Amino acid sequence: MNAQIWHGHATGKAAVLVGCTALVLGLTGTGSAQAGGRDLGREVLPAGDGWASEGAGTTGGSAADAAHVHTVTTWAEFRQALADGGSAPKIIKVKGMIDAVSEGCDAFAAEGYDFQRYLADYDPAVWGHDTPVSGAQEDLRAASAAAQDQAIKANVPANTTIVGVGKGSGILGGSLQIKGVDNVILRNLTVEAPIDCFPQWDPTDDNRTGAWNSEYDGVVVYGSTHVWIDHNTLTDGRYPDSSLPSYFGKVYQQHDGLLDVVRGANHVTVSWNSFEDHDKTMLIGNSDGAGATDTGKLKVTLHHNRFEGIVERAPRVRFGQVDSYNNHFVVTKGQNYGYVFGIGASSQLYATHNALSLASGVSVGKALKKWNEAPLTAENNYVNGRPTDLIAVHNAEIPGETLQSGAGWTPTLRTKVDSPRAVPGIVDHRAGAGRLR
């Protein structure tokens, strides 16, 4: 057997265990899931705080009885706590950094899977670019991927609150699946994006030049309603894309999204989070062809979040009425940078009072990316401390992708709107795990 540990070939499990141990020692906090004496598990989304406060609001597991309050320190305990009691209100306190892949990728590899053999069999010089890969090694790769899928996904039931304990608690390499449920809260967690141990080579992708395709998002909100995601840090952590190797001339991509809201999900508030060092960060609506499930839904509020080291999708929007205000977007010198806001099919993005800090030479016009014809509102946004009309600058810099102004709606579910000039100072000191006040 010759499987990858994360982006290399079989080098034994020790390296992964050492790396995980070091991160745990560096990040594990002490104390309870409290901030300033408050019990975070009992807190609910305030009234008027974004789309997740619509209707009855979002209360998560705040009403849990004592039997359904769990403190977990391992991935197995975490998944068991999620399953306990079905959809009865529950509070799960994550203590320390719990690892979904503590034994390394070798633990998922099917007998006979050999990555070097896989590369030899599907080398474009041998296989070409006309036909998707097939055969023994692809079958074994798929079986290995299925084993990982089964192991690292955690299904979050309705009426659940998950909170990190102290300043250094969260999840390594797991994928939180908020799928087809209502009323969920995630707070104070550090979430390191899952690594796909077994990406698939598709020789027909990217205009028949080939590409490595990966699975697994850090958090997925799929067909769910009333979800509050607050004061978390979501990041590639130990495995940034810059560390990934290339095979067949293409990056061996092992990441997908950090936070995706898809397939008819609705009434979501994403507040005071730090999104760090990732490519495809946040997708709201995953397909132009999903109008039957997504039209009239995908209502999401993003406020007081910090994005740094992000290549694209902060977010990319289809269909939804998405309210983005008081967020801070940071693009550093030399960073791989695509865009901030993606304007997709039938999207209704309302982006105001945000701050962008762009390194010298970074295109302001690229803050917006047009994928489809869909008017947006983008007013009172600041770039490097100065008011900037993002649509006008985009249209001047990229006239072939002219955007229209006017999202056609006005948000009403907003908390205090800070001056965009003050946003960097406010958000940089308060967004992310361990910074609840």
Protein backbone atom coordinates (compact mmCIF):
# COMPACT_ATOMS: atom_id res chain seq x y z
CA MET A 1 0.00 0.00 0.00
CA ASN A 2 1.34 3.44 -0.90
CA ALA A 3 -1.11 6.14 0.08
CA GLN A 4 -0.52 9.83 0.76
CA ILE A 5 -0.25 11.24 4.25
CA TRP A 6 -1.59 14.55 3.04
CA HIS A 7 0.04 15.65 -0.18
CA GLY A 8 2.96 13.28 -0.34
CA HIS A 9 3.31 9.56 -0.74
CA ALA A 10 3.51 6.95 2.01
CA THR A 11 6.05 8.18 4.52
CA GLY A 12 4.54 6.54 7.58
CA LYS A 13 2.10 7.85 10.15
CA ALA A 14 4.66 9.34 12.50
CA ALA A 15 5.01 12.62 10.62
CA VAL A 16 1.30 13.29 10.74
CA LEU A 17 1.06 12.39 14.41
CA VAL A 18 3.98 14.65 15.28
CA GLY A 19 2.44 17.53 13.32
CA CYS A 20 -0.96 17.06 14.90
CA THR A 21 0.52 16.78 18.39
CA ALA A 22 2.46 20.00 17.90
CA LEU A 23 -0.63 21.86 16.78
CA VAL A 24 -2.70 20.51 19.65
CA LEU A 25 -0.07 21.54 22.18
CA GLY A 26 0.12 24.96 20.60
CA LEU A 27 -3.62 25.60 20.40
CA THR A 28 -5.30 23.67 23.21
CA GLY A 29 -6.87 25.99 25.74
CA THR A 30 -8.19 25.56 29.24
CA GLY A 31 -11.36 26.52 31.03
CA SER A 32 -14.98 26.09 29.98
CA ALA A 33 -16.92 27.24 26.95
CA GLN A 34 -17.42 30.65 28.50
CA ALA A 35 -16.49 34.23 27.78
CA GLY A 36 -16.54 36.72 30.64
CA GLY A 37 -18.42 34.26 32.86
CA ARG A 38 -21.11 33.60 30.25
CA ASP A 39 -22.10 30.10 29.19
CA LEU A 40 -21.75 30.29 25.42
CA GLY A 41 -23.79 27.15 24.94
CA ARG A 42 -26.86 28.89 26.35
CA GLU A 43 -26.57 32.00 24.21
CA VAL A 44 -28.88 32.59 21.24
CA LEU A 45 -28.67 34.82 18.18
CA PRO A 46 -29.81 38.35 19.12
CA ALA A 47 -32.96 39.68 17.50
CA GLY A 48 -32.34 41.58 14.28
CA ASP A 49 -28.89 40.05 13.74
CA GLY A 50 -29.03 39.10 10.09
CA TRP A 51 -31.06 36.62 8.14
CA ALA A 52 -30.76 33.86 10.77
CA SER A 53 -32.82 36.04 13.14
CA GLU A 54 -35.79 35.93 10.77
CA GLY A 55 -39.02 34.49 12.19
CA ALA A 56 -38.44 32.51 15.38
CA GLY A 57 -34.72 33.21 15.16
CA THR A 58 -31.86 30.83 15.93
CA THR A 59 -31.50 29.31 19.37
CA GLY A 60 -29.49 26.16 18.66
CA GLY A 61 -29.29 23.82 21.64
CA SER A 62 -29.67 26.53 24.27
CA ALA A 63 -32.64 24.72 25.85
CA ALA A 64 -30.72 21.44 26.32
CA ASP A 65 -31.24 19.55 29.56
CA ALA A 66 -28.25 18.35 31.56
CA ALA A 67 -28.25 14.95 29.88
CA HIS A 68 -27.67 16.57 26.50
CA VAL A 69 -24.73 18.79 27.40
CA HIS A 70 -21.48 17.10 26.35
CA THR A 71 -17.81 17.99 26.60
CA VAL A 72 -15.74 16.12 24.01
CA THR A 73 -11.99 15.74 23.48
CA THR A 74 -11.85 13.25 20.58
CA TRP A 75 -13.44 12.97 17.14
CA ALA A 76 -15.22 9.75 18.14
CA GLU A 77 -16.71 11.43 21.22
CA PHE A 78 -17.78 14.39 19.10
CA ARG A 79 -19.65 12.27 16.56
CA GLN A 80 -21.27 10.22 19.30
CA ALA A 81 -22.45 13.39 21.06
CA LEU A 82 -23.98 14.65 17.81
CA ALA A 83 -25.91 11.40 17.41
CA ASP A 84 -27.09 11.28 21.02
CA GLY A 85 -30.73 12.22 21.45
CA GLY A 86 -31.53 12.85 17.79
CA SER A 87 -32.91 16.36 17.31
CA ALA A 88 -33.44 17.04 21.01
CA PRO A 89 -31.70 20.31 22.00
CA LYS A 90 -28.03 19.64 22.70
CA ILE A 91 -24.88 21.57 23.55
CA ILE A 92 -21.51 20.14 22.56
CA LYS A 93 -18.40 21.73 24.05
CA VAL A 94 -15.26 20.95 22.10
CA LYS A 95 -12.21 20.96 24.38
CA GLY A 96 -8.85 21.19 22.65
CA MET A 97 -8.15 20.51 18.98
CA ILE A 98 -9.83 17.24 18.04
CA ASP A 99 -8.48 15.45 14.98
CA ALA A 100 -10.60 13.57 12.46
CA VAL A 101 -7.50 12.20 10.72
CA SER A 102 -5.31 11.42 13.72
CA GLU A 103 -3.98 8.19 12.16
CA GLY A 104 -3.09 9.79 8.84
CA CYS A 105 -4.29 9.10 5.33
CA ASP A 106 -2.86 5.58 5.32
CA ALA A 107 -5.72 4.55 7.61
CA PHE A 108 -8.19 5.10 4.75
CA ALA A 109 -6.21 3.59 1.87
CA ALA A 110 -7.67 0.50 0.21
CA GLU A 111 -5.38 -2.53 0.02
CA GLY A 112 -3.43 -2.33 -3.21
CA TYR A 113 -3.78 1.41 -3.76
CA ASP A 114 -0.41 2.81 -4.82
CA PHE A 115 -0.08 6.50 -5.59
CA GLN A 116 3.07 6.04 -7.67
CA ARG A 117 1.25 3.40 -9.71
CA TYR A 118 -1.70 5.79 -10.06
CA LEU A 119 0.62 8.48 -11.45
CA ALA A 120 2.21 6.04 -13.87
CA ASP A 121 -1.11 4.66 -15.10
CA TYR A 122 -2.74 8.05 -15.72
CA ASP A 123 0.21 10.09 -16.89
CA PRO A 124 -1.14 12.18 -19.80
CA ALA A 125 1.75 10.91 -21.91
CA VAL A 126 0.21 7.46 -21.49
CA TRP A 127 -3.49 8.10 -20.91
CA GLY A 128 -4.03 11.31 -22.87
CA HIS A 129 -6.68 13.97 -22.26
CA ASP A 130 -9.73 12.59 -24.05
CA THR A 131 -11.12 10.07 -21.56
CA PRO A 132 -11.76 10.16 -17.79
CA VAL A 133 -9.50 7.82 -15.86
CA SER A 134 -10.66 4.27 -15.18
CA GLY A 135 -9.17 0.96 -14.18
CA ALA A 136 -7.82 -0.78 -11.11
CA GLN A 137 -5.96 2.12 -9.49
CA GLU A 138 -8.84 4.54 -10.04
CA ASP A 139 -11.21 2.03 -8.46
CA LEU A 140 -8.89 1.68 -5.47
CA ARG A 141 -8.54 5.46 -5.20
CA ALA A 142 -12.34 5.77 -5.17
CA ALA A 143 -12.63 3.09 -2.48
CA SER A 144 -10.01 4.90 -0.39
CA ALA A 145 -11.86 8.20 -0.85
CA ALA A 146 -15.11 6.56 0.26
CA ALA A 147 -13.44 5.37 3.46
CA GLN A 148 -12.22 8.88 4.21
CA ASP A 149 -15.63 10.33 3.44
CA GLN A 150 -17.23 8.00 5.95
CA ALA A 151 -14.67 8.85 8.62
CA ILE A 152 -14.34 12.63 8.49
CA LYS A 153 -17.89 13.86 7.95
CA ALA A 154 -19.92 14.74 11.02
CA ASN A 155 -23.67 15.24 10.61
CA VAL A 156 -25.00 18.04 12.80
CA PRO A 157 -28.63 17.54 13.86
CA ALA A 158 -31.29 20.18 14.41
CA ASN A 159 -31.35 22.23 17.61
CA THR A 160 -27.62 21.94 18.24
CA THR A 161 -25.03 24.36 19.58
CA ILE A 162 -21.34 23.51 19.12
CA VAL A 163 -18.88 25.74 20.98
CA GLY A 164 -15.15 25.68 21.51
CA VAL A 165 -13.83 25.71 25.06
CA GLY A 166 -11.43 28.55 25.81
CA LYS A 167 -9.11 30.09 23.23
CA GLY A 168 -7.70 27.05 21.47
CA SER A 169 -10.35 24.50 20.65
CA GLY A 170 -11.73 23.21 17.41
CA ILE A 171 -11.55 20.60 14.68
CA LEU A 172 -8.71 19.39 12.48
CA GLY A 173 -9.49 17.71 9.18
CA GLY A 174 -13.19 17.11 9.78
CA SER A 175 -16.15 18.29 7.71
CA LEU A 176 -19.20 19.59 9.56
CA GLN A 177 -22.34 18.69 7.61
CA ILE A 178 -25.34 20.86 8.50
CA LYS A 179 -27.67 19.11 6.12
CA GLY A 180 -31.47 19.29 5.94
CA VAL A 181 -31.94 20.56 9.50
CA ASP A 182 -33.05 23.71 11.33
CA ASN A 183 -31.62 25.76 14.18
CA VAL A 184 -27.84 25.27 14.52
CA ILE A 185 -25.16 27.42 16.14
CA LEU A 186 -21.36 27.12 15.70
CA ARG A 187 -19.18 29.41 17.82
CA ASN A 188 -15.63 29.86 19.06
CA LEU A 189 -14.13 27.04 16.99
CA THR A 190 -10.88 26.86 15.05
CA VAL A 191 -11.64 24.76 11.96
CA GLU A 192 -8.70 23.57 9.88
CA ALA A 193 -9.92 22.73 6.39
CA PRO A 194 -10.08 19.01 5.60
CA ILE A 195 -7.37 17.59 3.38
CA ASP A 196 -8.57 15.27 0.63
CA CYS A 197 -6.17 12.34 0.92
CA PHE A 198 -7.15 10.97 -2.51
CA PRO A 199 -7.85 13.68 -5.11
CA GLN A 200 -8.94 12.46 -8.52
CA TRP A 201 -7.07 13.29 -11.71
CA ASP A 202 -9.45 14.41 -14.45
CA PRO A 203 -7.55 14.63 -17.73
CA THR A 204 -10.53 16.20 -19.51
CA ASP A 205 -10.85 19.14 -17.09
CA ASP A 206 -9.56 22.70 -17.64
CA ASN A 207 -9.96 22.67 -21.42
CA ARG A 208 -8.45 19.20 -21.67
CA THR A 209 -5.25 20.14 -19.89
CA GLY A 210 -6.31 18.19 -16.81
CA ALA A 211 -6.83 19.05 -13.15
CA TRP A 212 -6.78 17.45 -9.71
CA ASN A 213 -10.23 17.63 -8.11
CA SER A 214 -10.83 17.39 -4.37
CA GLU A 215 -13.74 16.99 -1.98
CA TYR A 216 -14.66 18.16 1.55
CA ASP A 217 -15.57 21.58 2.88
CA GLY A 218 -14.82 22.67 6.43
CA VAL A 219 -18.48 23.54 7.04
CA VAL A 220 -21.40 22.82 4.69
CA VAL A 221 -24.88 24.29 5.15
CA TYR A 222 -26.97 22.18 2.77
CA GLY A 223 -30.73 22.65 2.61
CA SER A 224 -30.77 23.85 6.22
CA THR A 225 -32.39 26.89 7.85
CA HIS A 226 -31.61 29.22 10.75
CA VAL A 227 -27.88 28.71 11.14
CA TRP A 228 -25.60 31.09 13.08
CA ILE A 229 -21.84 30.80 12.50
CA ASP A 230 -20.05 33.20 14.82
CA HIS A 231 -16.53 33.96 16.10
CA ASN A 232 -14.81 31.02 14.42
CA THR A 233 -11.45 30.82 12.67
CA LEU A 234 -11.51 28.85 9.41
CA THR A 235 -8.18 28.23 7.73
CA ASP A 236 -5.95 25.86 5.77
CA GLY A 237 -3.75 25.89 8.87
CA ARG A 238 -0.80 23.52 8.57
CA TYR A 239 -1.42 22.79 4.91
CA PRO A 240 -1.64 26.00 2.83
CA ASP A 241 -2.02 25.66 -0.91
CA SER A 242 1.50 27.07 -1.28
CA SER A 243 2.82 23.84 0.24
CA LEU A 244 1.03 21.54 -2.23
CA PRO A 245 3.11 19.79 -4.91
CA SER A 246 2.29 19.54 -8.60
CA TYR A 247 1.83 16.43 -10.74
CA PHE A 248 1.26 16.43 -14.50
CA GLY A 249 1.94 20.18 -14.40
CA LYS A 250 -1.07 20.90 -12.18
CA VAL A 251 -1.31 21.68 -8.47
CA TYR A 252 -2.27 18.60 -6.49
CA GLN A 253 -5.29 20.38 -5.02
CA GLN A 254 -6.47 18.87 -1.72
CA HIS A 255 -8.84 21.61 -0.53
CA ASP A 256 -12.38 22.54 -1.44
CA GLY A 257 -14.35 25.24 0.41
CA LEU A 258 -14.12 26.61 3.94
CA LEU A 259 -17.83 27.42 4.29
CA ASP A 260 -20.43 26.63 1.62
CA VAL A 261 -24.16 27.47 1.80
CA VAL A 262 -26.00 25.48 -0.87
CA ARG A 263 -29.07 23.57 -2.09
CA GLY A 264 -31.90 25.67 -0.75
CA ALA A 265 -30.26 26.60 2.54
CA ASN A 266 -31.81 29.73 4.00
CA HIS A 267 -31.65 32.26 6.82
CA VAL A 268 -27.97 32.11 7.74
CA THR A 269 -25.90 34.66 9.68
CA VAL A 270 -22.10 34.53 9.45
CA SER A 271 -20.58 37.01 11.91
CA TRP A 272 -17.23 37.88 13.47
CA ASN A 273 -15.31 35.00 11.85
CA SER A 274 -11.74 34.98 10.54
CA PHE A 275 -11.26 33.31 7.15
CA GLU A 276 -7.58 32.73 6.46
CA ASP A 277 -5.23 31.41 3.77
CA HIS A 278 -7.61 29.59 1.46
CA ASP A 279 -8.53 29.54 -2.21
CA LYS A 280 -12.23 28.72 -2.77
CA THR A 281 -13.50 30.24 0.44
CA MET A 282 -17.28 30.58 0.45
CA LEU A 283 -19.85 29.49 -2.10
CA ILE A 284 -23.46 30.62 -1.71
CA GLY A 285 -25.36 28.56 -4.27
CA ASN A 286 -23.35 25.84 -5.98
CA SER A 287 -24.91 25.62 -9.44
CA ASP A 288 -26.43 27.88 -12.09
CA GLY A 289 -28.90 25.07 -12.73
CA ALA A 290 -30.20 24.88 -9.14
CA GLY A 291 -32.91 27.49 -9.55
CA ALA A 292 -35.66 25.04 -8.61
CA THR A 293 -34.23 24.62 -5.10
CA ASP A 294 -32.45 27.97 -4.63
CA THR A 295 -34.77 30.66 -5.99
CA GLY A 296 -36.14 32.71 -3.10
CA LYS A 297 -33.70 31.12 -0.67
CA LEU A 298 -29.98 31.38 0.11
CA LYS A 299 -30.62 34.46 2.26
CA VAL A 300 -27.35 35.01 4.07
CA THR A 301 -25.91 37.86 6.15
CA LEU A 302 -22.14 38.36 6.44
CA HIS A 303 -20.96 40.98 8.91
CA HIS A 304 -17.79 41.82 10.82
CA ASN A 305 -15.81 38.97 9.27
CA ARG A 306 -12.12 39.20 8.39
CA PHE A 307 -10.73 37.68 5.18
CA GLU A 308 -6.96 37.47 4.69
CA GLY A 309 -4.94 35.32 2.31
CA ILE A 310 -8.15 34.53 0.41
CA VAL A 311 -7.87 33.95 -3.34
CA GLU A 312 -11.56 34.08 -4.28
CA ARG A 313 -15.20 33.54 -3.21
CA ALA A 314 -15.64 35.89 -0.28
CA PRO A 315 -18.31 34.99 -1.26
CA ARG A 316 -19.37 33.90 -4.77
CA VAL A 317 -23.15 34.25 -4.88
CA ARG A 318 -25.93 32.65 -6.90
CA PHE A 319 -29.67 33.37 -6.44
CA GLY A 320 -29.53 34.58 -2.83
CA GLN A 321 -30.26 37.91 -1.21
CA VAL A 322 -26.86 38.22 0.46
CA ASP A 323 -26.16 41.11 2.82
CA SER A 324 -22.45 41.85 3.34
CA TYR A 325 -21.53 44.74 5.62
CA ASN A 326 -18.66 45.76 7.91
CA ASN A 327 -16.35 43.01 6.69
CA HIS A 328 -12.59 43.54 6.29
CA PHE A 329 -10.84 42.09 3.24
CA VAL A 330 -7.03 42.04 3.28
CA VAL A 331 -4.87 41.33 0.22
CA THR A 332 -1.13 41.33 0.90
CA LYS A 333 1.74 41.96 -1.50
CA GLY A 334 2.55 38.98 -3.70
CA GLN A 335 -0.54 37.07 -2.63
CA ASN A 336 -2.40 34.96 -5.17
CA TYR A 337 -5.58 36.98 -5.61
CA GLY A 338 -8.58 36.45 -7.85
CA TYR A 339 -11.51 38.49 -6.52
CA VAL A 340 -13.63 39.18 -3.43
CA PHE A 341 -17.28 39.21 -4.47
CA GLY A 342 -18.41 36.85 -7.24
CA ILE A 343 -21.61 37.97 -8.98
CA GLY A 344 -23.36 34.80 -10.15
CA ALA A 345 -26.66 33.66 -11.61
CA SER A 346 -29.69 35.61 -10.31
CA SER A 347 -27.69 36.84 -7.31
CA GLN A 348 -28.87 39.86 -5.31
CA LEU A 349 -25.77 40.98 -3.44
CA TYR A 350 -26.02 44.01 -1.14
CA ALA A 351 -22.46 44.93 -0.11
CA THR A 352 -22.01 48.15 1.83
CA HIS A 353 -19.85 49.65 4.58
CA ASN A 354 -17.04 47.15 4.01
CA ALA A 355 -13.30 47.87 4.19
CA LEU A 356 -10.68 46.56 1.76
CA SER A 357 -6.97 46.79 2.56
CA LEU A 358 -5.11 46.17 -0.69
CA ALA A 359 -1.35 46.04 -1.14
CA SER A 360 0.24 48.43 -3.60
CA GLY A 361 -0.41 47.37 -7.18
CA VAL A 362 -3.43 45.18 -6.38
CA SER A 363 -6.33 45.89 -8.73
CA VAL A 364 -9.32 47.53 -7.06
CA GLY A 365 -11.53 46.56 -10.01
CA LYS A 366 -10.90 42.87 -9.34
CA ALA A 367 -12.71 43.14 -6.01
CA LEU A 368 -15.81 42.30 -8.07
CA LYS A 369 -16.03 39.42 -10.53
CA LYS A 370 -18.90 39.11 -12.97
CA TRP A 371 -19.99 35.56 -13.75
CA ASN A 372 -23.55 36.38 -14.83
CA GLU A 373 -25.74 39.41 -15.43
CA ALA A 374 -27.08 40.26 -11.97
CA PRO A 375 -27.32 43.80 -10.56
CA LEU A 376 -25.82 44.44 -7.12
CA THR A 377 -25.67 47.25 -4.59
CA ALA A 378 -22.14 48.24 -3.54
CA GLU A 379 -22.14 51.54 -1.69
CA ASN A 380 -20.03 53.26 0.98
CA ASN A 381 -17.18 50.77 0.78
CA TYR A 382 -13.65 51.93 1.62
CA VAL A 383 -10.40 50.88 -0.02
CA ASN A 384 -7.25 51.65 1.96
CA GLY A 385 -9.18 54.14 4.08
CA ARG A 386 -10.83 56.01 1.21
CA PRO A 387 -14.44 55.81 -0.06
CA THR A 388 -14.51 53.90 -3.35
CA ASP A 389 -17.28 53.12 -5.81
CA LEU A 390 -16.42 49.47 -6.44
CA ILE A 391 -18.82 49.10 -9.36
CA ALA A 392 -17.54 52.20 -11.16
CA VAL A 393 -13.91 51.20 -10.70
CA HIS A 394 -14.63 47.66 -11.85
CA ASN A 395 -16.43 48.86 -14.97
CA ALA A 396 -13.61 51.27 -15.81
CA GLU A 397 -10.88 48.65 -15.32
CA ILE A 398 -12.75 45.70 -16.85
CA PRO A 399 -15.17 47.16 -19.41
CA GLY A 400 -15.82 43.75 -20.93
CA GLU A 401 -17.60 42.69 -17.72
CA THR A 402 -19.80 45.71 -17.01
CA LEU A 403 -21.83 45.39 -13.83
CA GLN A 404 -25.18 47.03 -13.14
CA SER A 405 -26.08 48.76 -9.88
CA GLY A 406 -29.22 48.06 -7.84
CA ALA A 407 -29.79 44.74 -6.04
CA GLY A 408 -33.52 45.40 -5.87
CA TRP A 409 -33.89 45.02 -2.11
CA THR A 410 -32.71 46.67 1.11
CA PRO A 411 -31.61 44.73 4.22
CA THR A 412 -33.51 45.39 7.45
CA LEU A 413 -31.98 42.74 9.73
CA ARG A 414 -28.76 44.51 10.68
CA THR A 415 -27.09 45.20 13.99
CA LYS A 416 -25.10 48.42 14.50
CA VAL A 417 -23.43 49.42 11.25
CA ASP A 418 -19.92 50.73 11.93
CA SER A 419 -18.17 53.30 9.82
CA PRO A 420 -16.15 51.46 7.16
CA ARG A 421 -13.19 53.65 8.09
CA ALA A 422 -13.27 52.08 11.57
CA VAL A 423 -13.91 48.51 10.40
CA PRO A 424 -10.25 47.33 10.16
CA GLY A 425 -9.55 48.28 13.76
CA ILE A 426 -12.79 46.83 15.09
CA VAL A 427 -12.83 43.60 13.12
CA ASP A 428 -9.12 42.78 13.32
CA HIS A 429 -9.25 42.83 17.12
CA ARG A 430 -12.50 40.95 17.59
CA ALA A 431 -13.06 38.50 14.72
CA GLY A 432 -12.14 34.84 15.06
CA ALA A 433 -12.09 32.10 17.69
CA GLY A 434 -11.10 33.03 21.22
CA ARG A 435 -12.19 36.65 20.86
CA LEU A 436 -15.74 36.61 22.19
CA ARG A 437 -16.55 39.46 24.54
